């Protein structure tokens, strides 16, 4: 799973992301002021999603110190 956002100095450095997947709940904190690497997407991790199981990707601005941007979430099928 990857998240696309353009990094800028006015973005939040403490963006809370919660991913609910078949294996449980993963909580991450992203710094959107920094470039996530060579690609415009920042990798969030590998997660298992199953039919009938709760799935949620929540990107929040609660308690952040700047603007929170989410232009795209990319899910990549791994076989």
N, C-alpha and C. Protein backbone atom coordinates (compact mmCIF):
# COMPACT_ATOMS: atom_id res chain seq x y z
N UNK A 1 0.84 -1.16 0.00
CA UNK A 1 0.00 0.00 0.00
C UNK A 1 0.89 1.23 0.00
N UNK A 2 0.51 2.19 -0.82
CA UNK A 2 1.30 3.42 -0.89
C UNK A 2 0.37 4.63 -0.87
N UNK A 3 0.91 5.77 -0.40
CA UNK A 3 0.17 7.02 -0.33
C UNK A 3 0.93 8.06 -1.13
N UNK A 4 0.20 8.81 -1.96
CA UNK A 4 0.82 9.88 -2.74
C UNK A 4 0.46 11.22 -2.12
N UNK A 5 1.49 12.05 -1.93
CA UNK A 5 1.28 13.43 -1.49
C UNK A 5 2.50 14.25 -1.92
N UNK A 6 2.31 15.51 -2.30
CA UNK A 6 3.45 16.35 -2.62
C UNK A 6 4.01 16.97 -1.33
N UNK A 7 5.27 16.70 -0.98
CA UNK A 7 5.84 17.26 0.24
C UNK A 7 6.04 18.78 0.13
N UNK A 8 5.79 19.48 1.21
CA UNK A 8 5.97 20.93 1.28
C UNK A 8 6.26 21.30 2.73
N UNK A 9 6.83 22.46 2.93
CA UNK A 9 7.16 22.93 4.27
C UNK A 9 5.95 23.23 5.14
N UNK A 10 4.77 23.49 4.52
CA UNK A 10 3.58 23.80 5.31
C UNK A 10 2.74 22.57 5.62
N UNK A 11 3.21 21.39 5.24
CA UNK A 11 2.50 20.14 5.51
C UNK A 11 2.76 19.69 6.95
N UNK A 12 1.94 18.78 7.43
CA UNK A 12 2.09 18.27 8.79
C UNK A 12 3.25 17.28 8.87
N UNK A 13 3.94 17.32 9.98
CA UNK A 13 5.04 16.37 10.21
C UNK A 13 4.58 15.18 11.06
N UNK A 14 3.30 15.17 11.43
CA UNK A 14 2.79 14.14 12.34
C UNK A 14 1.40 13.66 11.92
N UNK A 15 1.28 13.18 10.70
CA UNK A 15 0.00 12.75 10.14
C UNK A 15 -0.34 11.34 10.63
N UNK A 16 -1.44 11.18 11.37
CA UNK A 16 -1.82 9.84 11.82
C UNK A 16 -2.55 9.07 10.72
N UNK A 17 -2.11 7.84 10.48
CA UNK A 17 -2.74 6.96 9.50
C UNK A 17 -3.05 5.65 10.22
N UNK A 18 -4.29 5.20 10.12
CA UNK A 18 -4.70 3.94 10.72
C UNK A 18 -5.22 3.03 9.61
N UNK A 19 -4.67 1.81 9.54
CA UNK A 19 -5.06 0.84 8.52
C UNK A 19 -5.63 -0.37 9.23
N UNK A 20 -6.91 -0.63 8.99
CA UNK A 20 -7.56 -1.82 9.54
C UNK A 20 -7.61 -2.86 8.43
N UNK A 21 -7.04 -4.03 8.70
CA UNK A 21 -6.91 -5.07 7.67
C UNK A 21 -7.19 -6.42 8.31
N UNK A 22 -7.09 -7.48 7.51
CA UNK A 22 -7.43 -8.83 8.00
C UNK A 22 -6.56 -9.26 9.17
N UNK A 23 -5.35 -8.75 9.26
CA UNK A 23 -4.44 -9.13 10.33
C UNK A 23 -4.50 -8.26 11.57
N UNK A 24 -5.33 -7.22 11.56
CA UNK A 24 -5.44 -6.34 12.71
C UNK A 24 -5.45 -4.88 12.33
N UNK A 25 -4.86 -4.05 13.19
CA UNK A 25 -4.84 -2.60 12.99
C UNK A 25 -3.39 -2.13 13.05
N UNK A 26 -2.99 -1.34 12.07
CA UNK A 26 -1.65 -0.75 12.03
C UNK A 26 -1.79 0.76 12.14
N UNK A 27 -1.04 1.36 13.07
CA UNK A 27 -1.06 2.83 13.23
C UNK A 27 0.31 3.36 12.84
N UNK A 28 0.30 4.35 11.94
CA UNK A 28 1.53 4.97 11.44
C UNK A 28 1.46 6.47 11.66
N UNK A 29 2.62 7.12 11.67
CA UNK A 29 2.71 8.58 11.67
C UNK A 29 3.62 8.98 10.53
N UNK A 30 3.11 9.82 9.64
CA UNK A 30 3.86 10.25 8.45
C UNK A 30 4.31 11.69 8.57
N UNK A 31 5.47 11.98 8.01
CA UNK A 31 5.98 13.34 7.91
C UNK A 31 5.81 13.79 6.47
N UNK A 32 4.82 14.65 6.22
CA UNK A 32 4.54 15.09 4.86
C UNK A 32 5.37 16.32 4.46
N UNK A 33 6.30 16.71 5.29
CA UNK A 33 7.21 17.80 4.92
C UNK A 33 8.40 17.28 4.12
N UNK A 34 8.69 16.00 4.28
CA UNK A 34 9.86 15.41 3.64
C UNK A 34 9.46 14.61 2.41
N UNK A 35 10.36 14.56 1.44
CA UNK A 35 10.16 13.75 0.25
C UNK A 35 10.25 12.28 0.66
N UNK A 36 9.24 11.46 0.28
CA UNK A 36 9.26 10.06 0.70
C UNK A 36 10.29 9.20 -0.01
N UNK A 37 11.07 9.75 -0.91
CA UNK A 37 12.09 8.97 -1.62
C UNK A 37 12.14 9.34 -3.08
N UNK A 38 12.61 8.42 -3.89
CA UNK A 38 12.75 8.67 -5.32
C UNK A 38 11.41 8.74 -6.04
N UNK A 39 10.41 8.07 -5.51
CA UNK A 39 9.10 8.04 -6.14
C UNK A 39 8.17 9.02 -5.42
N UNK A 40 7.10 9.43 -6.10
CA UNK A 40 6.16 10.35 -5.44
C UNK A 40 5.26 9.67 -4.41
N UNK A 41 5.31 8.34 -4.35
CA UNK A 41 4.49 7.59 -3.38
C UNK A 41 5.33 7.18 -2.18
N UNK A 42 4.72 7.23 -1.00
CA UNK A 42 5.37 6.72 0.20
C UNK A 42 4.77 5.36 0.53
N UNK A 43 5.61 4.36 0.67
CA UNK A 43 5.14 3.02 1.01
C UNK A 43 4.70 2.98 2.47
N UNK A 44 3.51 2.45 2.71
CA UNK A 44 2.97 2.34 4.07
C UNK A 44 3.14 0.94 4.63
N UNK A 45 3.29 -0.05 3.76
CA UNK A 45 3.47 -1.42 4.22
C UNK A 45 2.71 -2.41 3.37
N UNK A 46 2.78 -3.68 3.78
CA UNK A 46 2.07 -4.76 3.10
C UNK A 46 1.01 -5.29 4.06
N UNK A 47 -0.22 -5.35 3.58
CA UNK A 47 -1.34 -5.74 4.42
C UNK A 47 -2.21 -6.76 3.68
N UNK A 48 -2.88 -7.60 4.43
CA UNK A 48 -3.77 -8.60 3.85
C UNK A 48 -5.22 -8.14 4.01
N UNK A 49 -5.94 -8.12 2.89
CA UNK A 49 -7.35 -7.76 2.89
C UNK A 49 -8.15 -8.99 2.44
N UNK A 50 -9.23 -9.30 3.16
CA UNK A 50 -10.04 -10.46 2.86
C UNK A 50 -11.51 -10.07 2.78
N UNK A 51 -12.23 -10.73 1.89
CA UNK A 51 -13.67 -10.50 1.76
C UNK A 51 -14.34 -10.79 3.10
N UNK A 52 -15.27 -9.93 3.50
CA UNK A 52 -16.01 -10.13 4.73
C UNK A 52 -15.32 -9.62 5.98
N UNK A 53 -14.06 -9.20 5.87
CA UNK A 53 -13.33 -8.65 7.01
C UNK A 53 -13.31 -7.12 6.91
N UNK A 54 -13.36 -6.46 8.04
CA UNK A 54 -13.34 -4.99 8.07
C UNK A 54 -12.06 -4.46 7.44
N UNK A 55 -12.23 -3.46 6.60
CA UNK A 55 -11.10 -2.80 5.97
C UNK A 55 -11.33 -1.29 6.05
N UNK A 56 -10.29 -0.58 6.50
CA UNK A 56 -10.41 0.88 6.59
C UNK A 56 -9.02 1.49 6.48
N UNK A 57 -8.91 2.55 5.71
CA UNK A 57 -7.69 3.33 5.62
C UNK A 57 -8.07 4.75 6.04
N UNK A 58 -7.64 5.16 7.23
CA UNK A 58 -8.03 6.47 7.75
C UNK A 58 -6.80 7.37 7.85
N UNK A 59 -6.87 8.48 7.15
CA UNK A 59 -5.83 9.51 7.19
C UNK A 59 -6.47 10.70 7.89
N UNK A 60 -5.91 11.11 9.01
CA UNK A 60 -6.55 12.12 9.85
C UNK A 60 -5.72 13.40 9.94
N UNK A 61 -6.40 14.49 10.30
CA UNK A 61 -5.70 15.73 10.58
C UNK A 61 -5.80 16.10 12.07
N UNK A 62 -6.29 15.18 12.88
CA UNK A 62 -6.44 15.42 14.32
C UNK A 62 -5.08 15.62 14.98
N UNK A 63 -4.89 16.77 15.60
CA UNK A 63 -3.67 17.05 16.35
C UNK A 63 -2.43 17.30 15.51
N UNK A 64 -2.60 17.55 14.21
CA UNK A 64 -1.44 17.74 13.34
C UNK A 64 -0.93 19.17 13.40
N UNK A 65 0.29 19.35 12.92
CA UNK A 65 0.96 20.66 12.98
C UNK A 65 1.09 21.31 11.59
N UNK A 66 0.19 21.00 10.68
CA UNK A 66 0.22 21.58 9.34
C UNK A 66 -0.87 20.97 8.49
N UNK A 67 -0.81 21.25 7.18
CA UNK A 67 -1.80 20.72 6.25
C UNK A 67 -1.58 19.22 6.02
N UNK A 68 -2.68 18.48 5.91
CA UNK A 68 -2.63 17.05 5.62
C UNK A 68 -3.15 16.85 4.20
N UNK A 69 -2.35 16.20 3.38
CA UNK A 69 -2.68 16.00 1.97
C UNK A 69 -2.69 14.50 1.66
N UNK A 70 -3.70 14.07 0.92
CA UNK A 70 -3.75 12.69 0.43
C UNK A 70 -4.33 12.74 -0.98
N UNK A 71 -3.46 12.75 -1.97
CA UNK A 71 -3.92 12.81 -3.35
C UNK A 71 -4.35 11.44 -3.85
N UNK A 72 -3.73 10.37 -3.37
CA UNK A 72 -4.09 9.03 -3.83
C UNK A 72 -3.59 7.98 -2.85
N UNK A 73 -4.34 6.91 -2.74
CA UNK A 73 -3.90 5.71 -2.03
C UNK A 73 -3.81 4.61 -3.08
N UNK A 74 -2.68 3.94 -3.16
CA UNK A 74 -2.48 2.91 -4.17
C UNK A 74 -2.38 1.55 -3.48
N UNK A 75 -3.26 0.64 -3.88
CA UNK A 75 -3.23 -0.73 -3.40
C UNK A 75 -2.67 -1.58 -4.52
N UNK A 76 -1.65 -2.37 -4.23
CA UNK A 76 -0.97 -3.18 -5.23
C UNK A 76 -1.19 -4.65 -4.89
N UNK A 77 -1.75 -5.39 -5.82
CA UNK A 77 -1.98 -6.82 -5.63
C UNK A 77 -0.67 -7.58 -5.73
N UNK A 78 -0.37 -8.37 -4.70
CA UNK A 78 0.82 -9.22 -4.69
C UNK A 78 0.33 -10.66 -4.68
N UNK A 79 0.76 -11.42 -5.66
CA UNK A 79 0.31 -12.82 -5.75
C UNK A 79 1.39 -13.73 -5.26
